[in-house]
PDB file of N, CA and C in Angstrom:
ATOM      1  N   UNK A   1      97.508 112.685 112.310  1.00  0.00           N
ATOM      2  CA  UNK A   1      98.106 112.966 111.535  1.00  0.00           C
ATOM      3  C   UNK A   1      98.354 113.856 110.532  1.00  0.00           C
ATOM      4  N   UNK A   2      99.522 114.709 110.144  1.00  0.00           N
ATOM      5  CA  UNK A   2      99.297 115.341 109.137  1.00  0.00           C
ATOM      6  C   UNK A   2      98.486 114.704 107.895  1.00  0.00           C
ATOM      7  N   UNK A   3      98.081 115.503 106.989  1.00  0.00           N
ATOM      8  CA  UNK A   3      97.124 114.840 106.090  1.00  0.00           C
ATOM      9  C   UNK A   3      97.756 114.373 104.690  1.00  0.00           C
ATOM     10  N   UNK A   4      98.783 115.323 104.527  1.00  0.00           N
ATOM     11  CA  UNK A   4      99.555 115.479 103.841  1.00  0.00           C
ATOM     12  C   UNK A   4     100.758 114.469 103.951  1.00  0.00           C
ATOM     13  N   UNK A   5     101.143 113.802 104.660  1.00  0.00           N
ATOM     14  CA  UNK A   5     101.839 112.609 105.631  1.00  0.00           C
ATOM     15  C   UNK A   5     101.363 110.902 104.993  1.00  0.00           C
ATOM     16  N   UNK A   6      99.788 111.353 105.665  1.00  0.00           N
ATOM     17  CA  UNK A   6      98.698 110.804 105.655  1.00  0.00           C
ATOM     18  C   UNK A   6      98.672 109.944 104.203  1.00  0.00           C
ATOM     19  N   UNK A   7      98.840 111.076 102.504  1.00  0.00           N
ATOM     20  CA  UNK A   7      98.406 111.048 101.964  1.00  0.00           C
ATOM     21  C   UNK A   7      99.815 110.288 101.134  1.00  0.00           C
ATOM     22  N   UNK A   8     100.747 110.518 101.717  1.00  0.00           N
ATOM     23  CA  UNK A   8     102.284 110.509 100.953  1.00  0.00           C
ATOM     24  C   UNK A   8     102.308 108.966 101.468  1.00  0.00           C
ATOM     25  N   UNK A   9     102.112 108.420 102.959  1.00  0.00           N
ATOM     26  CA  UNK A   9     102.202 107.256 103.228  1.00  0.00           C
ATOM     27  C   UNK A   9     100.609 106.156 102.328  1.00  0.00           C
ATOM     28  N   UNK A  10      99.794 106.522 101.746  1.00  0.00           N
ATOM     29  CA  UNK A  10      99.098 105.911 101.395  1.00  0.00           C
ATOM     30  C   UNK A  10      99.323 105.847  99.564  1.00  0.00           C
ATOM     31  N   UNK A  11     100.035 106.719  99.057  1.00  0.00           N
ATOM     32  CA  UNK A  11     100.309 106.888  97.851  1.00  0.00           C
ATOM     33  C   UNK A  11     101.910 105.686  97.542  1.00  0.00           C
ATOM     34  N   UNK A  12     102.978 105.817  98.257  1.00  0.00           N
ATOM     35  CA  UNK A  12     103.535 104.909  98.587  1.00  0.00           C
ATOM     36  C   UNK A  12     103.638 103.241  98.478  1.00  0.00           C
ATOM     37  N   UNK A  13     101.875 103.412  99.469  1.00  0.00           N
ATOM     38  CA  UNK A  13     101.719 101.474 100.122  1.00  0.00           C
ATOM     39  C   UNK A  13     100.956 100.950  98.636  1.00  0.00           C
ATOM     40  N   UNK A  14     100.414 102.170  98.063  1.00  0.00           N
ATOM     41  CA  UNK A  14      99.887 101.934  96.319  1.00  0.00           C
ATOM     42  C   UNK A  14     101.147 101.492  95.616  1.00  0.00           C
ATOM     43  N   UNK A  15     101.852 102.520  95.307  1.00  0.00           N
ATOM     44  CA  UNK A  15     103.200 102.032  94.307  1.00  0.00           C
ATOM     45  C   UNK A  15     103.574 100.862  94.511  1.00  0.00           C
ATOM     46  N   UNK A  16     103.858 100.531  95.654  1.00  0.00           N
ATOM     47  CA  UNK A  16     104.312  99.155  95.824  1.00  0.00           C
ATOM     48  C   UNK A  16     103.451  98.316  95.271  1.00  0.00           C
ATOM     49  N   UNK A  17     102.439  97.694  95.790  1.00  0.00           N
ATOM     50  CA  UNK A  17     101.341  96.971  95.096  1.00  0.00           C
ATOM     51  C   UNK A  17     101.136  97.170  93.492  1.00  0.00           C
ATOM     52  N   UNK A  18     101.502  98.596  92.694  1.00  0.00           N
ATOM     53  CA  UNK A  18     101.665  98.914  91.922  1.00  0.00           C
ATOM     54  C   UNK A  18     103.010  97.548  90.755  1.00  0.00           C
ATOM     55  N   UNK A  19     104.041  97.807  91.362  1.00  0.00           N
ATOM     56  CA  UNK A  19     105.035  97.209  91.056  1.00  0.00           C
ATOM     57  C   UNK A  19     105.353  96.008  91.300  1.00  0.00           C
ATOM     58  N   UNK A  20     104.487  95.317  91.990  1.00  0.00           N
ATOM     59  CA  UNK A  20     103.834  94.028  92.068  1.00  0.00           C
ATOM     60  C   UNK A  20     103.242  93.146  90.918  1.00  0.00           C
ATOM     61  N   UNK A  21     102.293  94.034  90.889  1.00  0.00           N
ATOM     62  CA  UNK A  21     101.129  93.763  89.627  1.00  0.00           C
ATOM     63  C   UNK A  21     102.342  94.233  88.591  1.00  0.00           C
ATOM     64  N   UNK A  22     103.288  94.690  88.298  1.00  0.00           N
ATOM     65  CA  UNK A  22     103.758  95.129  86.616  1.00  0.00           C
ATOM     66  C   UNK A  22     104.676  93.886  86.862  1.00  0.00           C
ATOM     67  N   UNK A  23     105.138  93.369  88.438  1.00  0.00           N
ATOM     68  CA  UNK A  23     105.791  91.777  87.684  1.00  0.00           C
ATOM     69  C   UNK A  23     105.342  90.810  87.315  1.00  0.00           C
ATOM     70  N   UNK A  24     103.540  90.466  87.784  1.00  0.00           N
ATOM     71  CA  UNK A  24     102.648  89.789  87.752  1.00  0.00           C
ATOM     72  C   UNK A  24     102.359  89.494  86.435  1.00  0.00           C
ATOM     73  N   UNK A  25     101.955  91.014  85.614  1.00  0.00           N
ATOM     74  CA  UNK A  25     101.833  91.252  84.176  1.00  0.00           C
ATOM     75  C   UNK A  25     102.867  90.331  83.609  1.00  0.00           C
ATOM     76  N   UNK A  26     104.203  90.950  84.082  1.00  0.00           N
ATOM     77  CA  UNK A  26     105.508  89.640  83.366  1.00  0.00           C
ATOM     78  C   UNK A  26     104.609  89.054  82.893  1.00  0.00           C
ATOM     79  N   UNK A  27     104.641  88.537  83.971  1.00  0.00           N
ATOM     80  CA  UNK A  27     104.579  86.561  84.297  1.00  0.00           C
ATOM     81  C   UNK A  27     103.389  86.693  83.477  1.00  0.00           C
ATOM     82  N   UNK A  28     101.512  87.021  83.628  1.00  0.00           N
ATOM     83  CA  UNK A  28     100.655  86.462  83.000  1.00  0.00           C
ATOM     84  C   UNK A  28     101.200  86.809  80.895  1.00  0.00           C
ATOM     85  N   UNK A  29     101.767  87.517  80.810  1.00  0.00           N
ATOM     86  CA  UNK A  29     102.335  87.698  79.373  1.00  0.00           C
ATOM     87  C   UNK A  29     102.742  86.387  78.831  1.00  0.00           C
ATOM     88  N   UNK A  30     104.163  85.915  79.639  1.00  0.00           N
ATOM     89  CA  UNK A  30     104.585  85.009  79.376  1.00  0.00           C
ATOM     90  C   UNK A  30     103.999  83.598  79.460  1.00  0.00           C
ATOM     91  N   UNK A  31     102.504  83.680  80.036  1.00  0.00           N
ATOM     92  CA  UNK A  31     101.526  82.260  80.165  1.00  0.00           C
ATOM     93  C   UNK A  31     100.771  82.138  79.519  1.00  0.00           C
ATOM     94  N   UNK A  32     100.505  83.836  79.122  1.00  0.00           N
ATOM     95  CA  UNK A  32      98.814  84.318  77.915  1.00  0.00           C
ATOM     96  C   UNK A  32      98.725  83.090  76.676  1.00  0.00           C
ATOM     97  N   UNK A  33     100.148  82.466  76.222  1.00  0.00           N
ATOM     98  CA  UNK A  33     100.009  81.454  74.813  1.00  0.00           C
ATOM     99  C   UNK A  33      99.012  80.331  75.737  1.00  0.00           C
ATOM    100  N   UNK A  34      98.849  80.271  76.631  1.00  0.00           N
ATOM    101  CA  UNK A  34      97.584  79.237  76.858  1.00  0.00           C
ATOM    102  C   UNK A  34      96.136  80.129  76.528  1.00  0.00           C
ATOM    103  N   UNK A  35      95.930  81.603  75.866  1.00  0.00           N
ATOM    104  CA  UNK A  35      94.848  81.174  75.693  1.00  0.00           C
ATOM    105  C   UNK A  35      94.002  82.301  76.223  1.00  0.00           C
ATOM    106  N   UNK A  36      94.592  82.545  78.222  1.00  0.00           N
ATOM    107  CA  UNK A  36      93.835  83.162  79.203  1.00  0.00           C
ATOM    108  C   UNK A  36      93.973  84.601  78.934  1.00  0.00           C
ATOM    109  N   UNK A  37      93.129  86.046  78.520  1.00  0.00           N
ATOM    110  CA  UNK A  37      93.190  86.932  78.201  1.00  0.00           C
ATOM    111  C   UNK A  37      92.738  88.154  79.379  1.00  0.00           C
ATOM    112  N   UNK A  38      93.667  87.105  80.969  1.00  0.00           N
ATOM    113  CA  UNK A  38      93.476  87.242  81.856  1.00  0.00           C
ATOM    114  C   UNK A  38      94.286  87.076  83.096  1.00  0.00           C
ATOM    115  N   UNK A  39      94.503  88.043  83.903  1.00  0.00           N
ATOM    116  CA  UNK A  39      95.113  87.854  84.206  1.00  0.00           C
ATOM    117  C   UNK A  39      95.227  88.450  86.254  1.00  0.00           C
ATOM    118  N   UNK A  40      95.726  87.780  87.144  1.00  0.00           N
ATOM    119  CA  UNK A  40      95.158  87.809  88.864  1.00  0.00           C
ATOM    120  C   UNK A  40      96.325  89.321  88.940  1.00  0.00           C
ATOM    121  N   UNK A  41      95.856  90.153  89.892  1.00  0.00           N
ATOM    122  CA  UNK A  41      96.635  91.327  90.170  1.00  0.00           C
ATOM    123  C   UNK A  41      96.103  91.811  92.063  1.00  0.00           C
ATOM    124  N   UNK A  42      97.242  91.877  92.392  1.00  0.00           N
ATOM    125  CA  UNK A  42      97.032  92.103  94.268  1.00  0.00           C
ATOM    126  C   UNK A  42      96.156  93.558  94.084  1.00  0.00           C
ATOM    127  N   UNK A  43      95.194  93.341  94.811  1.00  0.00           N
ATOM    128  CA  UNK A  43      94.694  95.184  95.240  1.00  0.00           C
ATOM    129  C   UNK A  43      96.022  96.291  95.559  1.00  0.00           C
ATOM    130  N   UNK A  44      95.589  97.755  94.628  1.00  0.00           N
ATOM    131  CA  UNK A  44      96.420  98.395  95.040  1.00  0.00           C
ATOM    132  C   UNK A  44      95.918  99.713  95.709  1.00  0.00           C
ATOM    133  N   UNK A  45      94.899  99.016  96.791  1.00  0.00           N
ATOM    134  CA  UNK A  45      94.629  99.671  97.838  1.00  0.00           C
ATOM    135  C   UNK A  45      95.293 100.716  98.470  1.00  0.00           C
ATOM    136  N   UNK A  46      95.460 101.686  99.517  1.00  0.00           N
ATOM    137  CA  UNK A  46      96.533 102.077 100.093  1.00  0.00           C
ATOM    138  C   UNK A  46      96.713 101.197 101.511  1.00  0.00           C
ATOM    139  N   UNK A  47      96.367 100.286 101.795  1.00  0.00           N
ATOM    140  CA  UNK A  47      96.382  99.641 103.140  1.00  0.00           C
ATOM    141  C   UNK A  47      97.510  98.197 102.951  1.00  0.00           C
ATOM    142  N   UNK A  48      98.583  98.260 103.285  1.00  0.00           N
ATOM    143  CA  UNK A  48      99.975  97.137 103.256  1.00  0.00           C
ATOM    144  C   UNK A  48      99.650  95.819 103.555  1.00  0.00           C
ATOM    145  N   UNK A  49      98.157  96.147 104.298  1.00  0.00           N
ATOM    146  CA  UNK A  49      97.497  94.434 105.306  1.00  0.00           C
ATOM    147  C   UNK A  49      96.835  94.362 103.644  1.00  0.00           C
ATOM    148  N   UNK A  50      96.463  94.573 103.161  1.00  0.00           N
ATOM    149  CA  UNK A  50      95.153  93.933 102.613  1.00  0.00           C
ATOM    150  C   UNK A  50      95.648  93.118 100.856  1.00  0.00           C
ATOM    151  N   UNK A  51      95.316  92.038 100.829  1.00  0.00           N
ATOM    152  CA  UNK A  51      95.793  90.983 100.236  1.00  0.00           C
ATOM    153  C   UNK A  51      95.395  90.295  99.069  1.00  0.00           C
ATOM    154  N   UNK A  52      94.112  91.452  98.622  1.00  0.00           N
ATOM    155  CA  UNK A  52      92.819  91.028  97.496  1.00  0.00           C
ATOM    156  C   UNK A  52      93.614  90.679  96.646  1.00  0.00           C
ATOM    157  N   UNK A  53      92.788  89.710  95.974  1.00  0.00           N
ATOM    158  CA  UNK A  53      92.748  89.108  94.943  1.00  0.00           C
ATOM    159  C   UNK A  53      92.053  90.144  93.886  1.00  0.00           C
ATOM    160  N   UNK A  54      92.240  90.757  92.735  1.00  0.00           N
ATOM    161  CA  UNK A  54      91.524  91.112  91.939  1.00  0.00           C
ATOM    162  C   UNK A  54      91.553  90.110  90.055  1.00  0.00           C
ATOM    163  N   UNK A  55      91.019  89.918  89.216  1.00  0.00           N
ATOM    164  CA  UNK A  55      90.870  88.994  87.674  1.00  0.00           C
ATOM    165  C   UNK A  55      90.480  90.620  86.980  1.00  0.00           C
ATOM    166  N   UNK A  56      91.583  90.692  86.329  1.00  0.00           N
ATOM    167  CA  UNK A  56      91.561  91.738  84.956  1.00  0.00           C
ATOM    168  C   UNK A  56      91.874  91.258  84.312  1.00  0.00           C
ATOM    169  N   UNK A  57      91.265  91.792  82.801  1.00  0.00           N
ATOM    170  CA  UNK A  57      91.406  91.818  81.676  1.00  0.00           C
ATOM    171  C   UNK A  57      92.701  91.857  80.849  1.00  0.00           C
ATOM    172  N   UNK A  58      93.448  91.177  80.216  1.00  0.00           N
ATOM    173  CA  UNK A  58      95.005  92.212  79.980  1.00  0.00           C
ATOM    174  C   UNK A  58      94.737  93.414  79.683  1.00  0.00           C
ATOM    175  N   UNK A  59      93.721  93.613  78.502  1.00  0.00           N
ATOM    176  CA  UNK A  59      93.745  94.270  77.593  1.00  0.00           C
ATOM    177  C   UNK A  59      93.425  96.159  78.890  1.00  0.00           C
ATOM    178  N   UNK A  60      92.685  95.618  80.262  1.00  0.00           N
ATOM    179  CA  UNK A  60      92.265  96.801  80.895  1.00  0.00           C
ATOM    180  C   UNK A  60      93.610  97.146  81.708  1.00  0.00           C
ATOM    181  N   UNK A  61      94.331  95.758  82.016  1.00  0.00           N
ATOM    182  CA  UNK A  61      95.720  96.263  82.860  1.00  0.00           C
ATOM    183  C   UNK A  61      96.475  97.031  82.041  1.00  0.00           C
ATOM    184  N   UNK A  62      96.425  96.835  80.629  1.00  0.00           N
ATOM    185  CA  UNK A  62      97.553  97.858  79.795  1.00  0.00           C
ATOM    186  C   UNK A  62      97.209  99.262  79.918  1.00  0.00           C
ATOM    187  N   UNK A  63      95.297  99.426  79.430  1.00  0.00           N
ATOM    188  CA  UNK A  63      94.847 100.708  79.552  1.00  0.00           C
ATOM    189  C   UNK A  63      95.160 101.517  81.176  1.00  0.00           C
ATOM    190  N   UNK A  64      95.102 100.797  81.934  1.00  0.00           N
ATOM    191  CA  UNK A  64      95.085 101.360  83.297  1.00  0.00           C
ATOM    192  C   UNK A  64      96.398 101.847  83.415  1.00  0.00           C
ATOM    193  N   UNK A  65      97.807 100.675  83.331  1.00  0.00           N
ATOM    194  CA  UNK A  65      99.161 101.197  83.675  1.00  0.00           C
ATOM    195  C   UNK A  65      99.457 102.620  82.170  1.00  0.00           C
ATOM    196  N   UNK A  66      98.504 102.580  81.747  1.00  0.00           N
ATOM    197  CA  UNK A  66      99.025 103.950  80.488  1.00  0.00           C
ATOM    198  C   UNK A  66      98.874 105.287  81.207  1.00  0.00           C
ATOM    199  N   UNK A  67      98.474 105.278  82.426  1.00  0.00           N
ATOM    200  CA  UNK A  67      98.290 106.169  83.264  1.00  0.00           C
ATOM    201  C   UNK A  67      98.818 106.354  84.435  1.00  0.00           C
ATOM    202  N   UNK A  68      99.714 106.630  84.575  1.00  0.00           N
ATOM    203  CA  UNK A  68     100.072 106.473  86.076  1.00  0.00           C
ATOM    204  C   UNK A  68      99.495 106.826  87.160  1.00  0.00           C
ATOM    205  N   UNK A  69      98.297 107.855  87.265  1.00  0.00           N
ATOM    206  CA  UNK A  69      97.140 108.229  88.258  1.00  0.00           C
ATOM    207  C   UNK A  69      96.232 107.310  88.761  1.00  0.00           C
ATOM    208  N   UNK A  70      96.223 106.119  87.505  1.00  0.00           N
ATOM    209  CA  UNK A  70      95.117 105.124  88.009  1.00  0.00           C
ATOM    210  C   UNK A  70      95.555 103.789  88.179  1.00  0.00           C
ATOM    211  N   UNK A  71      94.614 103.096  89.332  1.00  0.00           N
ATOM    212  CA  UNK A  71      94.944 102.061  90.349  1.00  0.00           C
ATOM    213  C   UNK A  71      93.951 100.945  89.990  1.00  0.00           C
ATOM    214  N   UNK A  72      93.935  99.980  90.686  1.00  0.00           N
ATOM    215  CA  UNK A  72      93.108  98.962  90.949  1.00  0.00           C
ATOM    216  C   UNK A  72      92.747  98.927  91.872  1.00  0.00           C
ATOM    217  N   UNK A  73      91.289  98.999  92.819  1.00  0.00           N
ATOM    218  CA  UNK A  73      91.073  98.831  93.816  1.00  0.00           C
ATOM    219  C   UNK A  73      90.267  97.693  93.868  1.00  0.00           C
ATOM    220  N   UNK A  74      89.806  96.793  95.090  1.00  0.00           N
ATOM    221  CA  UNK A  74      88.573  96.041  95.499  1.00  0.00           C
ATOM    222  C   UNK A  74      87.286  97.484  95.465  1.00  0.00           C
ATOM    223  N   UNK A  75      86.272  97.108  95.160  1.00  0.00           N
ATOM    224  CA  UNK A  75      85.262  97.610  95.836  1.00  0.00           C
ATOM    225  C   UNK A  75      85.424  97.875  97.456  1.00  0.00           C
ATOM    226  N   UNK A  76      85.119  99.302  97.768  1.00  0.00           N
ATOM    227  CA  UNK A  76      85.242  98.988  99.171  1.00  0.00           C
ATOM    228  C   UNK A  76      86.738  99.838  99.836  1.00  0.00           C
ATOM    229  N   UNK A  77      86.977  99.906  98.717  1.00  0.00           N
ATOM    230  CA  UNK A  77      89.054  99.861  99.303  1.00  0.00           C
ATOM    231  C   UNK A  77      89.037 101.443  98.645  1.00  0.00           C
ATOM    232  N   UNK A  78      88.376 101.648  98.354  1.00  0.00           N
ATOM    233  CA  UNK A  78      88.562 103.170  97.536  1.00  0.00           C
ATOM    234  C   UNK A  78      88.840 104.620  99.016  1.00  0.00           C
ATOM    235  N   UNK A  79      89.528 105.411  98.546  1.00  0.00           N
ATOM    236  CA  UNK A  79      90.332 106.371  99.528  1.00  0.00           C
ATOM    237  C   UNK A  79      89.725 107.578  99.538  1.00  0.00           C
ATOM    238  N   UNK A  80      88.424 108.263  99.521  1.00  0.00           N
ATOM    239  CA  UNK A  80      87.962 109.398  98.935  1.00  0.00           C
ATOM    240  C   UNK A  80      88.979 111.059  99.124  1.00  0.00           C
ATOM    241  N   UNK A  81      89.482 111.082  99.969  1.00  0.00           N
ATOM    242  CA  UNK A  81      90.780 111.912 100.236  1.00  0.00           C
ATOM    243  C   UNK A  81      91.659 111.708  99.289  1.00  0.00           C
ATOM    244  N   UNK A  82      92.031 110.361  98.502  1.00  0.00           N
ATOM    245  CA  UNK A  82      93.115 110.793  97.666  1.00  0.00           C
ATOM    246  C   UNK A  82      93.118 110.210  96.670  1.00  0.00           C
ATOM    247  N   UNK A  83      91.589 109.958  96.074  1.00  0.00           N
ATOM    248  CA  UNK A  83      91.414 109.251  94.825  1.00  0.00           C
ATOM    249  C   UNK A  83      89.645 108.787  94.539  1.00  0.00           C
ATOM    250  N   UNK A  84      89.448 109.197  93.571  1.00  0.00           N
ATOM    251  CA  UNK A  84      87.841 108.882  92.992  1.00  0.00           C
ATOM    252  C   UNK A  84      87.749 107.545  92.512  1.00  0.00           C
ATOM    253  N   UNK A  85      86.665 107.439  92.513  1.00  0.00           N
ATOM    254  CA  UNK A  85      86.621 106.173  91.264  1.00  0.00           C
ATOM    255  C   UNK A  85      85.948 106.712  90.137  1.00  0.00           C
ATOM    256  N   UNK A  86      87.240 106.204  89.243  1.00  0.00           N
ATOM    257  CA  UNK A  86      86.116 106.259  87.427  1.00  0.00           C
ATOM    258  C   UNK A  86      85.796 105.621  86.848  1.00  0.00           C
ATOM    259  N   UNK A  87      86.002 104.373  87.379  1.00  0.00           N
ATOM    260  CA  UNK A  87      85.136 103.299  86.549  1.00  0.00           C
ATOM    261  C   UNK A  87      84.790 101.888  87.623  1.00  0.00           C
ATOM    262  N   UNK A  88      83.969 101.736  87.698  1.00  0.00           N
ATOM    263  CA  UNK A  88      83.382 100.091  88.209  1.00  0.00           C
ATOM    264  C   UNK A  88      83.281  98.655  87.165  1.00  0.00           C
ATOM    265  N   UNK A  89      83.724  97.964  87.572  1.00  0.00           N
ATOM    266  CA  UNK A  89      83.541  96.508  86.767  1.00  0.00           C
ATOM    267  C   UNK A  89      83.512  95.537  88.241  1.00  0.00           C
ATOM    268  N   UNK A  90      82.743  94.517  87.260  1.00  0.00           N
ATOM    269  CA  UNK A  90      82.802  93.147  88.354  1.00  0.00           C
ATOM    270  C   UNK A  90      83.801  92.589  88.610  1.00  0.00           C
ATOM    271  N   UNK A  91      84.120  92.695  90.189  1.00  0.00           N
ATOM    272  CA  UNK A  91      85.311  92.529  91.129  1.00  0.00           C
ATOM    273  C   UNK A  91      86.235  93.747  91.055  1.00  0.00           C
ATOM    274  N   UNK A  92      86.163  94.706  90.402  1.00  0.00           N
ATOM    275  CA  UNK A  92      86.980  95.849  90.624  1.00  0.00           C
ATOM    276  C   UNK A  92      87.179  97.006  90.458  1.00  0.00           C
ATOM    277  N   UNK A  93      87.425  97.974  91.296  1.00  0.00           N
ATOM    278  CA  UNK A  93      87.408  99.589  90.829  1.00  0.00           C
ATOM    279  C   UNK A  93      88.751  99.936  90.269  1.00  0.00           C
ATOM    280  N   UNK A  94      88.089 100.947  89.331  1.00  0.00           N
ATOM    281  CA  UNK A  94      89.377 101.889  88.732  1.00  0.00           C
ATOM    282  C   UNK A  94      89.076 102.678  89.768  1.00  0.00           C
ATOM    283  N   UNK A  95      90.531 103.288  90.290  1.00  0.00           N
ATOM    284  CA  UNK A  95      90.816 104.624  91.055  1.00  0.00           C
ATOM    285  C   UNK A  95      91.125 106.135  90.462  1.00  0.00           C
ATOM    286  N   UNK A  96      91.263 107.111  90.015  1.00  0.00           N
ATOM    287  CA  UNK A  96      92.396 108.046  89.588  1.00  0.00           C
ATOM    288  C   UNK A  96      93.374 108.934  91.237  1.00  0.00           C
ATOM    289  N   UNK A  97      93.823 109.168  91.461  1.00  0.00           N
ATOM    290  CA  UNK A  97      94.179 109.873  92.038  1.00  0.00           C
ATOM    291  C   UNK A  97      94.020 111.030  92.001  1.00  0.00           C
ATOM    292  N   UNK A  98      94.037 111.776  93.208  1.00  0.00           N
ATOM    293  CA  UNK A  98      93.601 113.503  92.943  1.00  0.00           C
ATOM    294  C   UNK A  98      94.524 113.970  92.982  1.00  0.00           C
ATOM    295  N   UNK A  99      94.291 115.635  92.363  1.00  0.00           N
ATOM    296  CA  UNK A  99      95.639 116.266  91.686  1.00  0.00           C
ATOM    297  C   UNK A  99      96.673 116.775  93.817  1.00  0.00           C
ATOM    298  N   UNK A 100      97.595 117.063  93.273  1.00  0.00           N
ATOM    299  CA  UNK A 100      98.416 117.494  94.497  1.00  0.00           C
ATOM    300  C   UNK A 100      99.661 116.027  94.662  1.00  0.00           C
ATOM    301  N   UNK A 101      99.153 116.198  96.051  1.00  0.00           N
ATOM    302  CA  UNK A 101     100.495 115.033  96.760  1.00  0.00           C
ATOM    303  C   UNK A 101     100.248 113.966  95.781  1.00  0.00           C
ATOM    304  N   UNK A 102      98.775 113.151  96.011  1.00  0.00           N
ATOM    305  CA  UNK A 102      98.643 111.816  95.917  1.00  0.00           C
ATOM    306  C   UNK A 102      98.747 111.880  94.008  1.00  0.00           C
ATOM    307  N   UNK A 103      98.618 112.687  93.666  1.00  0.00           N
ATOM    308  CA  UNK A 103      99.108 112.434  91.807  1.00  0.00           C
ATOM    309  C   UNK A 103     100.416 112.580  91.778  1.00  0.00           C
ATOM    310  N   UNK A 104     101.127 113.252  92.573  1.00  0.00           N
ATOM    311  CA  UNK A 104     102.670 113.635  92.324  1.00  0.00           C
ATOM    312  C   UNK A 104     103.126 112.163  92.530  1.00  0.00           C
ATOM    313  N   UNK A 105     103.033 111.529  93.972  1.00  0.00           N
ATOM    314  CA  UNK A 105     103.640 110.350  94.254  1.00  0.00           C
ATOM    315  C   UNK A 105     103.883 109.213  93.571  1.00  0.00           C
ATOM    316  N   UNK A 106     102.119 109.290  92.453  1.00  0.00           N
ATOM    317  CA  UNK A 106     101.555 108.313  91.592  1.00  0.00           C
ATOM    318  C   UNK A 106     102.666 108.348  90.548  1.00  0.00           C
ATOM    319  N   UNK A 107     102.624 109.440  89.814  1.00  0.00           N
ATOM    320  CA  UNK A 107     103.380 109.870  88.816  1.00  0.00           C
ATOM    321  C   UNK A 107     105.139 109.690  89.215  1.00  0.00           C
ATOM    322  N   UNK A 108     105.420 110.154  89.918  1.00  0.00           N
ATOM    323  CA  UNK A 108     107.115 110.085  90.920  1.00  0.00           C
ATOM    324  C   UNK A 108     107.163 108.140  90.497  1.00  0.00           C
ATOM    325  N   UNK A 109     106.512 107.648  91.144  1.00  0.00           N
ATOM    326  CA  UNK A 109     106.695 106.129  91.516  1.00  0.00           C
ATOM    327  C   UNK A 109     105.851 104.822  90.218  1.00  0.00           C
ATOM    328  N   UNK A 110     105.972 106.067  89.270  1.00  0.00           N
ATOM    329  CA  UNK A 110     105.333 104.477  87.949  1.00  0.00           C
ATOM    330  C   UNK A 110     106.391 104.036  87.608  1.00  0.00           C
ATOM    331  N   UNK A 111     106.454 102.890  87.343  1.00  0.00           N
ATOM    332  CA  UNK A 111     107.319 102.095  87.151  1.00  0.00           C
ATOM    333  C   UNK A 111     107.232 101.776  85.527  1.00  0.00           C
ATOM    334  N   UNK A 112     106.651 102.774  84.992  1.00  0.00           N
ATOM    335  CA  UNK A 112     106.746 102.589  83.047  1.00  0.00           C
ATOM    336  C   UNK A 112     106.985 103.951  82.774  1.00  0.00           C
ATOM    337  N   UNK A 113     107.751 104.801  83.679  1.00  0.00           N
ATOM    338  CA  UNK A 113     107.954 106.153  83.178  1.00  0.00           C
ATOM    339  C   UNK A 113     109.459 106.180  82.901  1.00  0.00           C
TER     340      UNK A 113
END
């Protein structure tokens, strides 16, 4: 399979999970009046079959969402061909899309842009 097509497919899959998490974040903010500073998100890896759940702080979620090239993934779900791990936390990693097609797709599909 063409490498650019693979990168595009992965990017679109990750963008879908990011959109789901944006909706989860909105609900979490509504419920955060209970004093819980965390939220559950779906792993934003490129595997459409992945249903791994991650617990992240609302502050970390907002920080990652401020950069369209950053995504939350379960440790071990990183794809070195299209991204690099930039931060490791207990229970999740934050990855940055590599420049070129992966980063372009991440920016193009950013729901906050």
